[in-house]
Amino acid sequence: MLSNTCKYAIRALIYLGKFSDGEGTKIGIKKISNDLSIPTPFLGKILQNLVKQKVLVSTKGPNGGFGLGKEKSEISLYEIVSIIDGEDFFKNCLISMEPCSTHHEQGQPCPVHKSFSEVREKLSIFYSETTLERIIDDMAGHEDLIKM
């Protein structure tokens, strides 16, 4: 359901949340790229997008790199997905490529509209309530999932 770009963004944010501290420590893009096995140019575009949205901060130069722009408890999966994949992820119809409201307003909801609306609402709540801090706290024994 999530794009690979979005999964890379989540993995990079988990990595930064785990290894950069609130003291202003930054991690270089090459280190992140190597540790997560994500191509550096592609990762750079993802991280710069997150910098523009103030989720990350970056510093140029020999001691530069990336760090979190907010507290881990303030960064939700919903925010990450909305930035990378757009809010359509939480609004689009299961069958059509448009928001369900497009068809529903015309009196023609899709055949799975009612059932999927309930699932979509639960997904929205899950993504909103799941923060970077929570993910990192629950990672014990699962560090291999982001190849640190």
N, C-alpha and C. Protein backbone atom coordinates (compact mmCIF):
# COMPACT_ATOMS: atom_id res chain seq x y z
N MET A 1 0.81 -1.20 0.00
CA MET A 1 0.00 0.00 0.00
C MET A 1 0.86 1.27 0.00
N LEU A 2 1.94 1.27 0.77
CA LEU A 2 2.83 2.42 0.77
C LEU A 2 3.83 2.30 -0.37
N SER A 3 4.23 3.43 -0.92
CA SER A 3 5.26 3.41 -1.96
C SER A 3 6.61 3.06 -1.35
N ASN A 4 7.53 2.60 -2.18
CA ASN A 4 8.89 2.34 -1.70
C ASN A 4 9.53 3.61 -1.17
N THR A 5 9.25 4.73 -1.80
CA THR A 5 9.79 6.01 -1.35
C THR A 5 9.36 6.28 0.08
N CYS A 6 8.10 6.02 0.38
CA CYS A 6 7.56 6.25 1.72
C CYS A 6 8.20 5.28 2.72
N LYS A 7 8.37 4.04 2.32
CA LYS A 7 9.02 3.07 3.22
C LYS A 7 10.47 3.48 3.50
N TYR A 8 11.17 3.98 2.48
CA TYR A 8 12.54 4.46 2.68
C TYR A 8 12.55 5.64 3.66
N ALA A 9 11.58 6.54 3.51
CA ALA A 9 11.50 7.71 4.39
C ALA A 9 11.28 7.26 5.84
N ILE A 10 10.38 6.32 6.03
CA ILE A 10 10.11 5.82 7.38
C ILE A 10 11.35 5.17 7.97
N ARG A 11 12.02 4.33 7.18
CA ARG A 11 13.23 3.68 7.66
C ARG A 11 14.31 4.69 8.02
N ALA A 12 14.48 5.72 7.17
CA ALA A 12 15.49 6.74 7.44
C ALA A 12 15.15 7.53 8.70
N LEU A 13 13.89 7.83 8.91
CA LEU A 13 13.49 8.56 10.11
C LEU A 13 13.68 7.71 11.37
N ILE A 14 13.37 6.43 11.27
CA ILE A 14 13.61 5.54 12.41
C ILE A 14 15.11 5.52 12.72
N TYR A 15 15.91 5.39 11.69
CA TYR A 15 17.37 5.36 11.84
C TYR A 15 17.85 6.65 12.52
N LEU A 16 17.41 7.79 12.02
CA LEU A 16 17.82 9.07 12.60
C LEU A 16 17.30 9.23 14.02
N GLY A 17 16.09 8.76 14.26
CA GLY A 17 15.52 8.83 15.60
C GLY A 17 16.29 7.98 16.59
N LYS A 18 16.85 6.90 16.10
CA LYS A 18 17.59 5.99 16.97
C LYS A 18 19.03 6.45 17.19
N PHE A 19 19.66 7.01 16.17
CA PHE A 19 21.09 7.29 16.25
C PHE A 19 21.49 8.76 16.34
N SER A 20 20.59 9.68 16.01
CA SER A 20 20.94 11.09 16.21
C SER A 20 20.26 11.51 17.51
N ASP A 21 20.94 12.33 18.28
CA ASP A 21 20.36 12.73 19.56
C ASP A 21 19.79 14.13 19.47
N GLY A 22 19.17 14.56 20.49
CA GLY A 22 18.59 15.90 20.54
C GLY A 22 19.63 16.98 20.76
N GLU A 23 20.89 16.60 20.86
CA GLU A 23 21.98 17.54 21.11
C GLU A 23 22.50 18.17 19.82
N GLY A 24 21.85 17.93 18.72
CA GLY A 24 22.28 18.51 17.46
C GLY A 24 23.20 17.61 16.64
N THR A 25 23.38 16.37 17.07
CA THR A 25 24.21 15.44 16.32
C THR A 25 23.56 15.16 14.97
N LYS A 26 24.35 15.26 13.92
CA LYS A 26 23.86 14.98 12.57
C LYS A 26 24.56 13.75 12.03
N ILE A 27 23.88 13.04 11.16
CA ILE A 27 24.45 11.86 10.53
C ILE A 27 24.52 12.12 9.03
N GLY A 28 25.68 11.84 8.45
CA GLY A 28 25.89 12.08 7.03
C GLY A 28 25.06 11.17 6.15
N ILE A 29 24.72 11.67 4.99
CA ILE A 29 23.87 10.92 4.07
C ILE A 29 24.52 9.62 3.60
N LYS A 30 25.84 9.63 3.41
CA LYS A 30 26.51 8.40 2.96
C LYS A 30 26.40 7.30 4.00
N LYS A 31 26.53 7.66 5.28
CA LYS A 31 26.40 6.67 6.35
C LYS A 31 24.98 6.11 6.38
N ILE A 32 24.00 6.98 6.31
CA ILE A 32 22.60 6.54 6.32
C ILE A 32 22.35 5.64 5.10
N SER A 33 22.78 6.10 3.94
CA SER A 33 22.59 5.36 2.70
C SER A 33 23.23 3.97 2.77
N ASN A 34 24.47 3.90 3.24
CA ASN A 34 25.15 2.61 3.35
C ASN A 34 24.48 1.69 4.36
N ASP A 35 24.15 2.23 5.53
CA ASP A 35 23.55 1.40 6.58
C ASP A 35 22.17 0.89 6.22
N LEU A 36 21.42 1.67 5.44
CA LEU A 36 20.06 1.28 5.08
C LEU A 36 19.95 0.68 3.67
N SER A 37 21.07 0.64 2.96
CA SER A 37 21.09 0.13 1.58
C SER A 37 20.08 0.85 0.68
N ILE A 38 20.11 2.17 0.75
CA ILE A 38 19.27 3.01 -0.09
C ILE A 38 20.21 3.85 -0.95
N PRO A 39 20.00 3.90 -2.28
CA PRO A 39 20.88 4.70 -3.14
C PRO A 39 20.96 6.16 -2.65
N THR A 40 22.16 6.67 -2.54
CA THR A 40 22.39 8.00 -1.98
C THR A 40 21.61 9.11 -2.69
N PRO A 41 21.63 9.20 -4.03
CA PRO A 41 20.88 10.29 -4.68
C PRO A 41 19.37 10.23 -4.38
N PHE A 42 18.83 9.02 -4.38
CA PHE A 42 17.41 8.85 -4.10
C PHE A 42 17.10 9.24 -2.66
N LEU A 43 17.93 8.77 -1.73
CA LEU A 43 17.75 9.11 -0.31
C LEU A 43 17.87 10.61 -0.11
N GLY A 44 18.81 11.23 -0.81
CA GLY A 44 18.99 12.68 -0.69
C GLY A 44 17.72 13.45 -1.04
N LYS A 45 17.04 13.04 -2.09
CA LYS A 45 15.80 13.71 -2.48
C LYS A 45 14.72 13.53 -1.41
N ILE A 46 14.64 12.33 -0.87
CA ILE A 46 13.65 12.05 0.17
C ILE A 46 13.93 12.92 1.41
N LEU A 47 15.19 12.93 1.84
CA LEU A 47 15.54 13.66 3.05
C LEU A 47 15.38 15.17 2.87
N GLN A 48 15.71 15.69 1.68
CA GLN A 48 15.54 17.12 1.44
C GLN A 48 14.06 17.50 1.47
N ASN A 49 13.21 16.63 0.98
CA ASN A 49 11.77 16.87 1.06
C ASN A 49 11.33 16.96 2.53
N LEU A 50 11.86 16.08 3.36
CA LEU A 50 11.52 16.09 4.78
C LEU A 50 12.11 17.32 5.49
N VAL A 51 13.23 17.82 5.00
CA VAL A 51 13.80 19.06 5.54
C VAL A 51 12.88 20.23 5.21
N LYS A 52 12.40 20.28 3.96
CA LYS A 52 11.49 21.36 3.54
C LYS A 52 10.22 21.38 4.40
N GLN A 53 9.80 20.20 4.84
CA GLN A 53 8.59 20.10 5.65
C GLN A 53 8.89 20.23 7.15
N LYS A 54 10.15 20.50 7.48
CA LYS A 54 10.61 20.72 8.85
C LYS A 54 10.53 19.49 9.75
N VAL A 55 10.48 18.31 9.14
CA VAL A 55 10.54 17.06 9.90
C VAL A 55 12.00 16.77 10.24
N LEU A 56 12.90 17.15 9.32
CA LEU A 56 14.34 16.99 9.51
C LEU A 56 15.02 18.35 9.45
N VAL A 57 16.23 18.38 9.97
CA VAL A 57 17.11 19.54 9.78
C VAL A 57 18.38 19.02 9.12
N SER A 58 19.04 19.88 8.39
CA SER A 58 20.29 19.46 7.76
C SER A 58 21.33 20.55 7.89
N THR A 59 22.58 20.12 7.88
CA THR A 59 23.71 21.02 7.94
C THR A 59 24.69 20.59 6.87
N LYS A 60 25.21 21.55 6.13
CA LYS A 60 26.20 21.24 5.08
C LYS A 60 27.59 21.28 5.68
N GLY A 61 28.52 20.68 4.96
CA GLY A 61 29.91 20.75 5.37
C GLY A 61 30.44 19.42 5.88
N PRO A 62 31.72 19.41 6.28
CA PRO A 62 32.38 18.16 6.69
C PRO A 62 31.73 17.50 7.90
N ASN A 63 31.19 18.28 8.81
CA ASN A 63 30.52 17.71 9.98
C ASN A 63 29.00 17.79 9.84
N GLY A 64 28.55 17.96 8.62
CA GLY A 64 27.12 18.12 8.36
C GLY A 64 26.40 16.80 8.30
N GLY A 65 25.15 16.89 8.02
CA GLY A 65 24.31 15.71 7.91
C GLY A 65 22.88 16.04 8.25
N PHE A 66 22.15 15.02 8.63
CA PHE A 66 20.73 15.16 8.92
C PHE A 66 20.42 14.76 10.35
N GLY A 67 19.43 15.41 10.91
CA GLY A 67 18.93 15.09 12.24
C GLY A 67 17.44 15.39 12.28
N LEU A 68 16.79 14.95 13.32
CA LEU A 68 15.36 15.20 13.45
C LEU A 68 15.11 16.69 13.69
N GLY A 69 14.07 17.20 13.07
CA GLY A 69 13.68 18.59 13.24
C GLY A 69 12.62 18.77 14.31
N LYS A 70 12.12 17.66 14.82
CA LYS A 70 11.10 17.65 15.86
C LYS A 70 11.42 16.52 16.83
N GLU A 71 10.72 16.52 17.93
CA GLU A 71 10.84 15.41 18.87
C GLU A 71 10.26 14.15 18.23
N LYS A 72 10.82 13.00 18.58
CA LYS A 72 10.32 11.72 18.05
C LYS A 72 8.84 11.53 18.35
N SER A 73 8.40 12.03 19.48
CA SER A 73 7.00 11.88 19.88
C SER A 73 6.06 12.75 19.06
N GLU A 74 6.61 13.69 18.30
CA GLU A 74 5.80 14.62 17.50
C GLU A 74 5.72 14.23 16.03
N ILE A 75 6.43 13.17 15.65
CA ILE A 75 6.44 12.75 14.24
C ILE A 75 5.61 11.48 14.12
N SER A 76 4.47 11.59 13.47
CA SER A 76 3.59 10.43 13.31
C SER A 76 3.77 9.81 11.92
N LEU A 77 3.39 8.56 11.81
CA LEU A 77 3.39 7.91 10.50
C LEU A 77 2.47 8.66 9.55
N TYR A 78 1.37 9.18 10.07
CA TYR A 78 0.42 9.92 9.23
C TYR A 78 1.12 11.10 8.56
N GLU A 79 1.92 11.83 9.33
CA GLU A 79 2.64 12.98 8.78
C GLU A 79 3.61 12.55 7.70
N ILE A 80 4.34 11.48 7.96
CA ILE A 80 5.33 11.00 6.98
C ILE A 80 4.64 10.56 5.68
N VAL A 81 3.60 9.76 5.82
CA VAL A 81 2.88 9.27 4.64
C VAL A 81 2.25 10.44 3.88
N SER A 82 1.68 11.39 4.59
CA SER A 82 1.07 12.55 3.94
C SER A 82 2.09 13.36 3.14
N ILE A 83 3.30 13.51 3.70
CA ILE A 83 4.35 14.26 3.01
C ILE A 83 4.83 13.51 1.77
N ILE A 84 5.08 12.22 1.91
CA ILE A 84 5.69 11.46 0.83
C ILE A 84 4.68 10.96 -0.20
N ASP A 85 3.62 10.31 0.24
CA ASP A 85 2.64 9.73 -0.68
C ASP A 85 1.40 10.59 -0.86
N GLY A 86 1.22 11.59 -0.01
CA GLY A 86 0.05 12.46 -0.09
C GLY A 86 -1.11 11.91 0.72
N GLU A 87 -2.04 12.77 1.01
CA GLU A 87 -3.19 12.37 1.82
C GLU A 87 -4.16 11.49 1.05
N ASP A 88 -3.96 11.37 -0.26
CA ASP A 88 -4.82 10.49 -1.05
C ASP A 88 -4.77 9.06 -0.52
N PHE A 89 -3.63 8.69 0.07
CA PHE A 89 -3.50 7.36 0.66
C PHE A 89 -4.64 7.09 1.64
N PHE A 90 -5.09 8.13 2.34
CA PHE A 90 -6.14 7.98 3.35
C PHE A 90 -7.53 8.32 2.81
N LYS A 91 -7.61 8.74 1.55
CA LYS A 91 -8.90 9.18 1.01
C LYS A 91 -9.34 8.42 -0.23
N ASN A 92 -8.40 7.89 -1.02
CA ASN A 92 -8.76 7.28 -2.29
C ASN A 92 -9.63 6.05 -2.12
N CYS A 93 -10.45 5.88 -3.12
CA CYS A 93 -11.33 4.72 -3.22
C CYS A 93 -10.46 3.47 -3.41
N LEU A 94 -10.94 2.35 -2.96
CA LEU A 94 -10.21 1.10 -3.12
C LEU A 94 -10.16 0.67 -4.58
N ILE A 95 -11.18 1.01 -5.34
CA ILE A 95 -11.29 0.57 -6.73
C ILE A 95 -10.85 1.66 -7.70
N SER A 96 -11.32 2.89 -7.48
CA SER A 96 -11.00 4.01 -8.36
C SER A 96 -9.70 4.67 -7.91
N MET A 97 -9.15 5.52 -8.74
CA MET A 97 -7.94 6.26 -8.40
C MET A 97 -8.28 7.64 -7.82
N GLU A 98 -9.54 7.86 -7.53
CA GLU A 98 -10.00 9.14 -7.01
C GLU A 98 -10.51 8.96 -5.58
N PRO A 99 -10.67 10.07 -4.85
CA PRO A 99 -11.26 9.95 -3.52
C PRO A 99 -12.68 9.40 -3.61
N CYS A 100 -13.06 8.58 -2.63
CA CYS A 100 -14.41 8.01 -2.62
C CYS A 100 -15.47 9.11 -2.64
N SER A 101 -15.17 10.25 -2.04
CA SER A 101 -16.15 11.33 -1.99
C SER A 101 -16.55 11.80 -3.38
N THR A 102 -15.68 11.65 -4.37
CA THR A 102 -15.97 12.05 -5.73
C THR A 102 -17.19 11.30 -6.26
N HIS A 103 -17.21 10.00 -6.02
CA HIS A 103 -18.33 9.18 -6.48
C HIS A 103 -19.51 9.26 -5.53
N HIS A 104 -19.20 9.33 -4.25
CA HIS A 104 -20.25 9.34 -3.25
C HIS A 104 -21.14 10.58 -3.37
N GLU A 105 -20.52 11.72 -3.66
CA GLU A 105 -21.29 12.96 -3.81
C GLU A 105 -22.24 12.87 -5.00
N GLN A 106 -21.88 12.05 -6.00
CA GLN A 106 -22.73 11.88 -7.17
C GLN A 106 -23.77 10.78 -6.92
N GLY A 107 -23.79 10.25 -5.71
CA GLY A 107 -24.74 9.20 -5.37
C GLY A 107 -24.34 7.83 -5.88
N GLN A 108 -23.07 7.66 -6.25
CA GLN A 108 -22.62 6.39 -6.80
C GLN A 108 -21.37 5.88 -6.06
N PRO A 109 -21.49 5.57 -4.77
CA PRO A 109 -20.30 5.04 -4.09
C PRO A 109 -19.92 3.69 -4.68
N CYS A 110 -18.64 3.36 -4.59
CA CYS A 110 -18.16 2.10 -5.14
C CYS A 110 -18.76 0.93 -4.34
N PRO A 111 -18.70 -0.27 -4.88
CA PRO A 111 -19.33 -1.43 -4.23
C PRO A 111 -18.76 -1.75 -2.84
N VAL A 112 -17.53 -1.35 -2.56
CA VAL A 112 -16.93 -1.66 -1.25
C VAL A 112 -16.79 -0.40 -0.39
N HIS A 113 -17.46 0.66 -0.78
CA HIS A 113 -17.30 1.95 -0.12
C HIS A 113 -17.56 1.86 1.39
N LYS A 114 -18.68 1.31 1.77
CA LYS A 114 -19.04 1.27 3.19
C LYS A 114 -18.03 0.45 4.00
N SER A 115 -17.69 -0.73 3.54
CA SER A 115 -16.74 -1.59 4.26
C SER A 115 -15.36 -0.97 4.31
N PHE A 116 -14.90 -0.45 3.19
CA PHE A 116 -13.56 0.11 3.13
C PHE A 116 -13.45 1.42 3.90
N SER A 117 -14.54 2.17 4.00
CA SER A 117 -14.52 3.42 4.78
C SER A 117 -14.16 3.13 6.22
N GLU A 118 -14.68 2.04 6.76
CA GLU A 118 -14.37 1.65 8.14
C GLU A 118 -12.89 1.28 8.27
N VAL A 119 -12.37 0.54 7.32
CA VAL A 119 -10.96 0.14 7.33
C VAL A 119 -10.08 1.39 7.20
N ARG A 120 -10.44 2.26 6.27
CA ARG A 120 -9.66 3.48 6.04
C ARG A 120 -9.63 4.34 7.30
N GLU A 121 -10.73 4.43 8.01
CA GLU A 121 -10.79 5.20 9.25
C GLU A 121 -9.86 4.60 10.31
N LYS A 122 -9.86 3.29 10.42
CA LYS A 122 -8.97 2.62 11.39
C LYS A 122 -7.50 2.82 11.00
N LEU A 123 -7.21 2.75 9.70
CA LEU A 123 -5.85 3.01 9.24
C LEU A 123 -5.42 4.44 9.58
N SER A 124 -6.30 5.37 9.36
CA SER A 124 -6.00 6.77 9.63
C SER A 124 -5.69 6.97 11.12
N ILE A 125 -6.48 6.36 11.98
CA ILE A 125 -6.25 6.46 13.42
C ILE A 125 -4.91 5.81 13.79
N PHE A 126 -4.64 4.62 13.25
CA PHE A 126 -3.38 3.93 13.53
C PHE A 126 -2.19 4.78 13.12
N TYR A 127 -2.21 5.31 11.90
CA TYR A 127 -1.10 6.10 11.40
C TYR A 127 -0.95 7.40 12.20
N SER A 128 -2.05 7.99 12.63
CA SER A 128 -2.00 9.23 13.41
C SER A 128 -1.44 8.99 14.81
N GLU A 129 -1.78 7.87 15.41
CA GLU A 129 -1.36 7.59 16.78
C GLU A 129 0.01 6.94 16.87
N THR A 130 0.54 6.44 15.77
CA THR A 130 1.84 5.77 15.79
C THR A 130 2.94 6.78 15.49
N THR A 131 3.74 7.03 16.53
CA THR A 131 4.81 8.02 16.39
C THR A 131 6.16 7.31 16.20
N LEU A 132 7.12 8.09 15.78
CA LEU A 132 8.48 7.59 15.63
C LEU A 132 8.99 7.06 16.98
N GLU A 133 8.69 7.77 18.03
CA GLU A 133 9.11 7.36 19.36
C GLU A 133 8.55 5.98 19.71
N ARG A 134 7.29 5.78 19.43
CA ARG A 134 6.65 4.49 19.73
C ARG A 134 7.29 3.35 18.94
N ILE A 135 7.56 3.60 17.67
CA ILE A 135 8.19 2.58 16.84
C ILE A 135 9.57 2.21 17.39
N ILE A 136 10.36 3.22 17.70
CA ILE A 136 11.71 2.99 18.21
C ILE A 136 11.66 2.26 19.55
N ASP A 137 10.74 2.65 20.41
CA ASP A 137 10.60 1.98 21.71
C ASP A 137 10.21 0.52 21.56
N ASP A 138 9.47 0.20 20.52
CA ASP A 138 9.00 -1.18 20.30
C ASP A 138 9.95 -2.01 19.43
N MET A 139 11.12 -1.47 19.09
CA MET A 139 12.01 -2.14 18.15
C MET A 139 12.88 -3.23 18.76
N ALA A 140 12.96 -3.33 20.05
CA ALA A 140 13.85 -4.32 20.67
C ALA A 140 13.63 -5.69 20.04
N GLY A 141 14.70 -6.24 19.50
CA GLY A 141 14.64 -7.55 18.86
C GLY A 141 14.28 -7.51 17.38
N HIS A 142 13.99 -6.31 16.87
CA HIS A 142 13.59 -6.19 15.46
C HIS A 142 14.46 -5.20 14.69
N GLU A 143 15.62 -4.89 15.21
CA GLU A 143 16.50 -3.90 14.59
C GLU A 143 16.84 -4.24 13.15
N ASP A 144 16.85 -5.55 12.82
CA ASP A 144 17.19 -5.98 11.46
C ASP A 144 16.19 -5.49 10.42
N LEU A 145 15.04 -5.05 10.83
CA LEU A 145 14.02 -4.58 9.89
C LEU A 145 14.46 -3.32 9.14
N ILE A 146 15.32 -2.55 9.74
CA ILE A 146 15.82 -1.37 9.03
C ILE A 146 17.31 -1.47 8.76
N LYS A 147 17.86 -2.65 8.90
CA LYS A 147 19.26 -2.95 8.54
C LYS A 147 20.23 -1.95 9.12
N MET A 148 20.23 -1.80 10.42
CA MET A 148 21.17 -0.88 11.07
C MET A 148 22.51 -1.55 11.24
